[in-house]
Amino acid sequence: MKRIFGTLAVFAVGALVGISPLLAESPLEDKGAVTIKTFQFRPTPLDVKPGAQVAWTNTDDILHTVTSGTPENPDGRFHSPLRGKGATFSMTFDQPGTYAYFCSRHQSMRGEVRVK
């Protein structure tokens, strides 16, 4: 009973100051997951720690790619086709920085991994 009231108190204080403990920014992760759904990369940006492995999973029925850089300036760091529903690609990000990526077939699909 005491635990329930303690949890409720945290939510009440959060509500009074205009934040929710459930909506607070999550810590950086050692692993990251990006889902491709309805022609979008989610989440973007994705924040991870150096050395994190990021995995992209295609949940659409069509071919997408994960291509580093931008459509205007692909940088050649990585490129992988994801040939339909369930296809995956993983990449480890060792160095801090911001890594843009896109789908070479649907160039409005863009994402970003931030390593910090």
Protein backbone atom coordinates (compact mmCIF):
# COMPACT_ATOMS: atom_id res chain seq x y z
CA MET A 1 0.00 0.00 0.00
CA LYS A 2 2.83 2.37 0.89
CA ARG A 3 4.47 1.65 -2.49
CA ILE A 4 1.29 2.55 -4.40
CA PHE A 5 0.99 5.89 -2.59
CA GLY A 6 4.68 6.63 -3.25
CA THR A 7 4.21 5.99 -6.96
CA LEU A 8 1.07 8.12 -7.02
CA ALA A 9 2.95 10.92 -5.27
CA VAL A 10 5.61 10.90 -8.00
CA PHE A 11 2.93 11.21 -10.67
CA ALA A 12 1.12 13.94 -8.75
CA VAL A 13 4.29 16.02 -8.34
CA GLY A 14 5.10 15.50 -12.02
CA ALA A 15 1.64 16.67 -13.00
CA LEU A 16 1.94 19.77 -10.81
CA VAL A 17 5.20 20.84 -12.44
CA GLY A 18 4.02 19.95 -15.94
CA ILE A 19 6.03 16.80 -16.60
CA SER A 20 5.32 13.13 -16.51
CA PRO A 21 7.87 10.61 -15.24
CA LEU A 22 6.75 8.32 -18.09
CA LEU A 23 7.52 11.01 -20.67
CA ALA A 24 10.94 11.97 -19.35
CA GLU A 25 13.80 11.60 -21.82
CA SER A 26 15.16 8.08 -21.71
CA PRO A 27 18.85 7.45 -21.12
CA LEU A 28 21.14 6.62 -24.01
CA GLU A 29 21.05 2.97 -24.98
CA ASP A 30 23.74 0.39 -25.76
CA LYS A 31 21.46 -0.99 -28.48
CA GLY A 32 18.98 0.71 -30.73
CA ALA A 33 16.05 -0.43 -32.79
CA VAL A 34 14.52 1.35 -35.75
CA THR A 35 11.31 0.16 -37.34
CA ILE A 36 10.38 0.92 -40.92
CA LYS A 37 6.62 1.27 -41.04
CA THR A 38 4.40 3.01 -43.60
CA PHE A 39 7.37 4.60 -45.35
CA GLN A 40 8.88 6.05 -42.15
CA PHE A 41 11.89 5.30 -39.96
CA ARG A 42 10.85 5.25 -36.29
CA PRO A 43 12.19 6.60 -34.02
CA THR A 44 14.22 9.37 -35.53
CA PRO A 45 16.45 10.65 -34.25
CA LEU A 46 17.69 7.67 -32.28
CA ASP A 47 20.15 8.47 -29.46
CA VAL A 48 22.67 5.76 -28.49
CA LYS A 49 26.02 5.40 -26.73
CA PRO A 50 29.30 4.81 -28.61
CA GLY A 51 29.66 1.11 -29.42
CA ALA A 52 25.91 0.64 -29.74
CA GLN A 53 24.50 -1.70 -32.33
CA VAL A 54 21.47 -0.34 -34.17
CA ALA A 55 19.10 -2.73 -35.93
CA TRP A 56 16.60 -1.66 -38.59
CA THR A 57 13.57 -3.87 -39.24
CA ASN A 58 11.31 -3.50 -42.25
CA THR A 59 7.64 -4.05 -41.39
CA ASP A 60 6.38 -2.91 -44.80
CA ASP A 61 5.68 -5.43 -47.57
CA ILE A 62 8.01 -3.70 -50.06
CA LEU A 63 11.74 -3.19 -50.51
CA HIS A 64 13.37 -0.33 -48.62
CA THR A 65 17.03 0.45 -48.06
CA VAL A 66 19.08 1.85 -45.22
CA THR A 67 21.66 4.06 -46.92
CA SER A 68 24.05 6.37 -45.09
CA GLY A 69 24.13 10.08 -45.82
CA THR A 70 21.38 11.96 -47.62
CA PRO A 71 19.85 11.49 -51.08
CA GLU A 72 21.82 14.53 -52.20
CA ASN A 73 25.06 13.25 -50.65
CA PRO A 74 25.28 9.50 -49.89
CA ASP A 75 28.47 9.01 -47.87
CA GLY A 76 29.13 5.28 -48.49
CA ARG A 77 29.41 4.26 -44.82
CA PHE A 78 26.65 1.69 -45.16
CA HIS A 79 23.95 0.54 -47.56
CA SER A 80 21.63 -2.40 -47.15
CA PRO A 81 18.48 -3.43 -48.98
CA LEU A 82 15.65 -4.65 -46.73
CA ARG A 83 13.65 -6.90 -49.03
CA GLY A 84 10.20 -6.77 -47.48
CA LYS A 85 8.51 -7.59 -44.21
CA GLY A 86 10.83 -8.95 -41.53
CA ALA A 87 14.12 -8.05 -43.24
CA THR A 88 16.75 -6.60 -40.89
CA PHE A 89 20.09 -4.82 -41.03
CA SER A 90 22.43 -4.02 -38.12
CA MET A 91 25.28 -1.55 -37.80
CA THR A 92 27.58 -0.75 -34.87
CA PHE A 93 28.32 2.93 -34.24
CA ASP A 94 31.67 3.27 -32.44
CA GLN A 95 32.38 6.98 -32.86
CA PRO A 96 30.33 9.88 -31.44
CA GLY A 97 28.57 11.94 -34.08
CA THR A 98 25.37 12.35 -36.02
CA TYR A 99 24.72 9.82 -38.77
CA ALA A 100 22.06 10.63 -41.34
CA TYR A 101 20.50 7.86 -43.44
CA PHE A 102 17.69 7.44 -45.96
CA CYS A 103 15.90 4.97 -48.22
CA SER A 104 17.39 5.11 -51.72
CA ARG A 105 14.07 3.96 -53.24
CA HIS A 106 11.90 6.44 -51.34
CA GLN A 107 14.10 9.46 -50.79
CA SER A 108 11.65 11.29 -48.56
CA MET A 109 12.30 8.55 -45.97
CA ARG A 110 15.08 9.93 -43.79
CA GLY A 111 16.44 9.18 -40.35
CA GLU A 112 19.26 9.99 -37.99
CA VAL A 113 21.34 8.15 -35.38
CA ARG A 114 23.01 10.37 -32.79
CA VAL A 115 25.92 8.77 -30.96
CA LYS A 116 26.91 10.59 -27.77
